[in-house]
N, C-alpha and C. Protein backbone atom coordinates (compact mmCIF):
# COMPACT_ATOMS: atom_id res chain seq x y z
N MET A 1 75.97 58.76 66.21
CA MET A 1 74.69 58.07 66.20
C MET A 1 74.92 56.59 66.53
N ALA A 2 74.07 56.05 67.36
CA ALA A 2 74.20 54.65 67.78
C ALA A 2 73.79 53.72 66.65
N TYR A 3 74.47 52.59 66.62
CA TYR A 3 74.11 51.55 65.66
C TYR A 3 74.21 50.21 66.36
N ALA A 4 73.59 49.20 65.74
CA ALA A 4 73.60 47.86 66.31
C ALA A 4 73.55 46.84 65.19
N VAL A 5 73.99 45.63 65.50
CA VAL A 5 73.86 44.51 64.58
C VAL A 5 72.90 43.53 65.23
N ILE A 6 71.75 43.30 64.55
CA ILE A 6 70.74 42.40 65.09
C ILE A 6 70.69 41.14 64.24
N LYS A 7 70.14 40.08 64.83
CA LYS A 7 70.00 38.82 64.11
C LYS A 7 68.52 38.44 64.11
N THR A 8 67.97 38.25 62.92
CA THR A 8 66.58 37.81 62.78
C THR A 8 66.43 37.08 61.45
N GLY A 9 65.66 36.03 61.45
CA GLY A 9 65.41 35.27 60.23
C GLY A 9 66.65 34.60 59.69
N GLY A 10 67.63 34.29 60.55
CA GLY A 10 68.85 33.64 60.10
C GLY A 10 69.83 34.57 59.43
N LYS A 11 69.57 35.87 59.46
CA LYS A 11 70.44 36.86 58.83
C LYS A 11 70.82 37.92 59.85
N GLN A 12 71.86 38.69 59.54
CA GLN A 12 72.31 39.76 60.42
C GLN A 12 72.15 41.09 59.69
N TYR A 13 71.72 42.11 60.42
CA TYR A 13 71.47 43.43 59.84
C TYR A 13 72.12 44.50 60.70
N ARG A 14 72.78 45.47 60.07
CA ARG A 14 73.32 46.63 60.78
C ARG A 14 72.25 47.71 60.70
N VAL A 15 71.80 48.21 61.85
CA VAL A 15 70.69 49.16 61.88
C VAL A 15 71.05 50.39 62.70
N GLN A 16 70.41 51.51 62.36
CA GLN A 16 70.48 52.75 63.12
C GLN A 16 69.05 53.21 63.34
N GLN A 17 68.88 54.16 64.25
CA GLN A 17 67.55 54.69 64.49
C GLN A 17 67.05 55.39 63.24
N GLY A 18 65.81 55.10 62.86
CA GLY A 18 65.21 55.69 61.67
C GLY A 18 65.34 54.85 60.42
N ASP A 19 66.16 53.79 60.45
CA ASP A 19 66.33 52.92 59.29
C ASP A 19 65.05 52.14 59.01
N LYS A 20 64.80 51.89 57.71
CA LYS A 20 63.72 51.02 57.29
C LYS A 20 64.37 49.84 56.58
N LEU A 21 63.98 48.63 56.97
CA LEU A 21 64.56 47.45 56.35
C LEU A 21 63.52 46.37 56.20
N ASP A 22 63.77 45.48 55.22
CA ASP A 22 62.90 44.35 54.95
C ASP A 22 63.56 43.09 55.48
N VAL A 23 62.84 42.36 56.33
CA VAL A 23 63.36 41.12 56.92
C VAL A 23 62.40 39.99 56.60
N GLU A 24 62.84 38.75 56.86
CA GLU A 24 61.96 37.60 56.69
C GLU A 24 60.72 37.79 57.55
N LYS A 25 59.60 37.24 57.11
CA LYS A 25 58.31 37.50 57.76
C LYS A 25 58.34 37.24 59.26
N LEU A 26 57.85 38.23 60.02
CA LEU A 26 57.70 38.12 61.46
C LEU A 26 56.22 38.08 61.79
N ASP A 27 55.86 37.31 62.80
CA ASP A 27 54.46 37.16 63.18
C ASP A 27 54.05 38.34 64.06
N ALA A 28 53.68 39.45 63.42
CA ALA A 28 53.31 40.67 64.15
C ALA A 28 52.32 41.47 63.31
N GLU A 29 51.45 42.19 64.00
CA GLU A 29 50.46 43.03 63.32
C GLU A 29 51.12 44.32 62.82
N VAL A 30 50.53 44.92 61.79
CA VAL A 30 51.00 46.20 61.29
C VAL A 30 50.77 47.27 62.37
N ASP A 31 51.70 48.20 62.51
CA ASP A 31 51.72 49.28 63.51
C ASP A 31 52.02 48.79 64.93
N SER A 32 52.43 47.54 65.09
CA SER A 32 52.80 47.06 66.42
C SER A 32 54.31 47.25 66.62
N GLU A 33 54.75 47.13 67.87
CA GLU A 33 56.17 47.28 68.22
C GLU A 33 56.77 45.90 68.43
N ILE A 34 58.01 45.72 67.96
CA ILE A 34 58.75 44.48 68.15
C ILE A 34 60.06 44.84 68.84
N THR A 35 60.46 44.02 69.81
CA THR A 35 61.74 44.22 70.48
C THR A 35 62.65 43.05 70.16
N PHE A 36 63.83 43.35 69.64
CA PHE A 36 64.84 42.34 69.35
C PHE A 36 65.80 42.27 70.53
N ASP A 37 66.00 41.06 71.06
CA ASP A 37 66.88 40.87 72.20
C ASP A 37 68.21 40.24 71.80
N GLU A 38 68.28 39.66 70.60
CA GLU A 38 69.52 39.04 70.15
C GLU A 38 70.36 40.08 69.40
N ILE A 39 71.09 40.88 70.17
CA ILE A 39 71.91 41.96 69.63
C ILE A 39 73.36 41.49 69.66
N LEU A 40 74.01 41.45 68.50
CA LEU A 40 75.36 40.93 68.41
C LEU A 40 76.41 42.00 68.68
N LEU A 41 76.09 43.26 68.40
CA LEU A 41 77.05 44.35 68.55
C LEU A 41 76.30 45.65 68.74
N VAL A 42 76.81 46.51 69.63
CA VAL A 42 76.24 47.84 69.81
C VAL A 42 77.40 48.83 69.79
N GLY A 43 77.26 49.88 69.00
CA GLY A 43 78.32 50.87 68.92
C GLY A 43 77.77 52.27 68.92
N GLU A 44 78.53 53.18 69.55
CA GLU A 44 78.16 54.59 69.53
C GLU A 44 79.46 55.39 69.63
N GLY A 45 79.79 56.11 68.56
CA GLY A 45 81.05 56.85 68.54
C GLY A 45 82.23 55.89 68.54
N ASP A 46 83.13 56.07 69.51
CA ASP A 46 84.31 55.21 69.60
C ASP A 46 84.08 53.96 70.44
N SER A 47 83.00 53.93 71.23
CA SER A 47 82.76 52.78 72.09
C SER A 47 81.95 51.72 71.35
N VAL A 48 82.46 50.49 71.38
CA VAL A 48 81.79 49.37 70.71
C VAL A 48 81.71 48.22 71.70
N LYS A 49 80.51 47.65 71.87
CA LYS A 49 80.32 46.48 72.71
C LYS A 49 80.04 45.29 71.80
N ILE A 50 80.86 44.27 71.92
CA ILE A 50 80.69 43.06 71.12
C ILE A 50 80.22 41.94 72.03
N GLY A 51 79.16 41.28 71.64
CA GLY A 51 78.61 40.20 72.47
C GLY A 51 79.27 38.87 72.20
N SER A 52 79.12 37.99 73.16
CA SER A 52 79.62 36.63 72.97
C SER A 52 78.60 35.63 73.53
N PRO A 53 77.57 35.24 72.86
CA PRO A 53 77.21 35.59 71.49
C PRO A 53 76.38 36.86 71.37
N SER A 54 75.73 37.34 72.44
CA SER A 54 74.93 38.56 72.33
C SER A 54 75.27 39.50 73.47
N VAL A 55 74.97 40.79 73.26
CA VAL A 55 75.27 41.81 74.25
C VAL A 55 74.20 41.76 75.34
N ALA A 56 74.61 41.62 76.58
CA ALA A 56 73.66 41.53 77.70
C ALA A 56 73.02 42.89 77.95
N GLY A 57 71.70 42.90 78.09
CA GLY A 57 70.97 44.12 78.40
C GLY A 57 70.69 45.03 77.22
N ALA A 58 71.13 44.67 76.04
CA ALA A 58 70.89 45.51 74.86
C ALA A 58 69.60 45.09 74.17
N SER A 59 68.92 46.06 73.58
CA SER A 59 67.70 45.75 72.83
C SER A 59 67.49 46.79 71.74
N VAL A 60 66.80 46.36 70.71
CA VAL A 60 66.43 47.24 69.60
C VAL A 60 64.93 47.15 69.43
N THR A 61 64.27 48.31 69.37
CA THR A 61 62.83 48.36 69.20
C THR A 61 62.51 48.84 67.78
N ALA A 62 61.56 48.15 67.15
CA ALA A 62 61.18 48.50 65.78
C ALA A 62 59.66 48.49 65.65
N LYS A 63 59.17 49.30 64.74
CA LYS A 63 57.74 49.37 64.44
C LYS A 63 57.49 48.64 63.13
N VAL A 64 56.44 47.79 63.08
CA VAL A 64 56.09 47.07 61.86
C VAL A 64 55.33 48.02 60.95
N VAL A 65 55.92 48.30 59.78
CA VAL A 65 55.31 49.23 58.82
C VAL A 65 54.33 48.47 57.92
N SER A 66 54.75 47.30 57.40
CA SER A 66 53.87 46.54 56.52
C SER A 66 54.32 45.09 56.42
N GLN A 67 53.39 44.24 55.99
CA GLN A 67 53.65 42.85 55.65
C GLN A 67 53.42 42.73 54.16
N PHE A 68 54.36 42.18 53.41
CA PHE A 68 54.19 42.12 51.96
C PHE A 68 54.99 40.95 51.39
N ARG A 69 54.81 40.71 50.11
CA ARG A 69 55.56 39.69 49.40
C ARG A 69 56.57 40.37 48.49
N GLY A 70 57.77 39.83 48.49
CA GLY A 70 58.87 40.42 47.75
C GLY A 70 58.73 40.21 46.25
N PRO A 71 59.74 40.64 45.51
CA PRO A 71 59.70 40.48 44.05
C PRO A 71 59.83 39.01 43.64
N LYS A 72 59.39 38.72 42.45
CA LYS A 72 59.41 37.36 41.96
C LYS A 72 60.85 36.92 41.72
N GLY A 73 61.15 35.71 42.16
CA GLY A 73 62.46 35.11 41.91
C GLY A 73 62.27 33.84 41.10
N VAL A 74 63.32 33.42 40.42
CA VAL A 74 63.23 32.24 39.57
C VAL A 74 64.29 31.24 39.99
N ALA A 75 63.88 29.99 40.21
CA ALA A 75 64.81 28.89 40.46
C ALA A 75 64.80 28.03 39.19
N PHE A 76 65.93 27.96 38.52
CA PHE A 76 66.03 27.24 37.25
C PHE A 76 67.00 26.08 37.41
N LYS A 77 66.51 24.86 37.11
CA LYS A 77 67.36 23.68 37.19
C LYS A 77 67.60 23.17 35.77
N PHE A 78 68.83 22.72 35.52
CA PHE A 78 69.23 22.35 34.18
C PHE A 78 70.32 21.30 34.24
N LYS A 79 70.16 20.24 33.44
CA LYS A 79 71.22 19.25 33.31
C LYS A 79 71.61 19.17 31.84
N ARG A 80 72.87 19.45 31.59
CA ARG A 80 73.29 19.54 30.20
C ARG A 80 73.25 18.18 29.51
N ARG A 81 72.97 18.22 28.24
CA ARG A 81 72.94 17.05 27.36
C ARG A 81 71.87 16.02 27.72
N LYS A 82 70.98 16.33 28.64
CA LYS A 82 69.95 15.37 29.05
C LYS A 82 68.55 15.82 28.65
N GLY A 83 68.43 17.04 28.18
CA GLY A 83 67.11 17.56 27.82
C GLY A 83 66.27 17.92 29.03
N PHE A 84 66.91 18.04 30.19
CA PHE A 84 66.17 18.34 31.42
C PHE A 84 66.34 19.80 31.79
N HIS A 85 65.23 20.48 31.93
CA HIS A 85 65.24 21.82 32.51
C HIS A 85 63.90 22.08 33.15
N LYS A 86 63.94 22.71 34.31
CA LYS A 86 62.73 22.95 35.09
C LYS A 86 62.82 24.35 35.68
N THR A 87 61.74 25.08 35.58
CA THR A 87 61.68 26.44 36.10
C THR A 87 60.57 26.52 37.13
N ILE A 88 60.87 27.14 38.25
CA ILE A 88 59.84 27.38 39.27
C ILE A 88 60.05 28.79 39.81
N GLY A 89 58.96 29.49 40.04
CA GLY A 89 59.04 30.85 40.57
C GLY A 89 58.63 30.88 42.03
N PHE A 90 59.06 31.93 42.72
CA PHE A 90 58.71 32.08 44.13
C PHE A 90 58.69 33.55 44.50
N ARG A 91 57.98 33.86 45.56
CA ARG A 91 57.97 35.20 46.14
C ARG A 91 58.08 35.05 47.65
N ARG A 92 59.08 35.68 48.24
CA ARG A 92 59.28 35.57 49.69
C ARG A 92 58.30 36.46 50.44
N ALA A 93 57.86 36.00 51.60
CA ALA A 93 57.03 36.81 52.49
C ALA A 93 57.98 37.65 53.35
N LEU A 94 57.78 38.97 53.35
CA LEU A 94 58.67 39.90 54.03
C LEU A 94 57.91 40.81 54.98
N THR A 95 58.63 41.38 55.93
CA THR A 95 58.09 42.37 56.86
C THR A 95 58.97 43.60 56.77
N ARG A 96 58.35 44.78 56.58
CA ARG A 96 59.11 46.03 56.56
C ARG A 96 59.08 46.63 57.96
N LEU A 97 60.26 46.93 58.50
CA LEU A 97 60.41 47.48 59.84
C LEU A 97 61.01 48.87 59.79
N GLU A 98 60.65 49.70 60.78
CA GLU A 98 61.30 50.98 60.98
C GLU A 98 61.88 50.96 62.40
N ILE A 99 63.19 51.17 62.51
CA ILE A 99 63.88 51.12 63.80
C ILE A 99 63.56 52.39 64.57
N THR A 100 63.02 52.23 65.78
CA THR A 100 62.62 53.38 66.59
C THR A 100 63.63 53.70 67.68
N SER A 101 64.27 52.70 68.29
CA SER A 101 65.25 53.01 69.34
C SER A 101 66.25 51.88 69.50
N ILE A 102 67.44 52.25 69.97
CA ILE A 102 68.50 51.30 70.29
C ILE A 102 68.93 51.57 71.72
N ALA A 103 68.85 50.54 72.55
CA ALA A 103 69.24 50.68 73.96
C ALA A 103 70.33 49.68 74.27
N GLY A 104 71.34 50.12 75.00
CA GLY A 104 72.37 49.17 75.41
C GLY A 104 73.71 49.76 75.27
């Protein structure tokens, strides 16, 4: 089965066809198709193509399943012996993708 390493949102993900993954928010409608052109590696069986920095002619197509906000996270700041502590919460905006095809 073919696999690829894509780069999006400042992170790298190893994907195969049929995978579902959550990435940093992408500006796309639900049920639309997205094509990733920045493919760092493509492999199938024993053959592996490594890009420098990306593989020429390779692409990964994904379907946008949903746009949502991730779980609550806590950023806690503390300075010992000073009586200072501050808590702030956050929720990241995420996009759930389903990989439909890998070409290259």
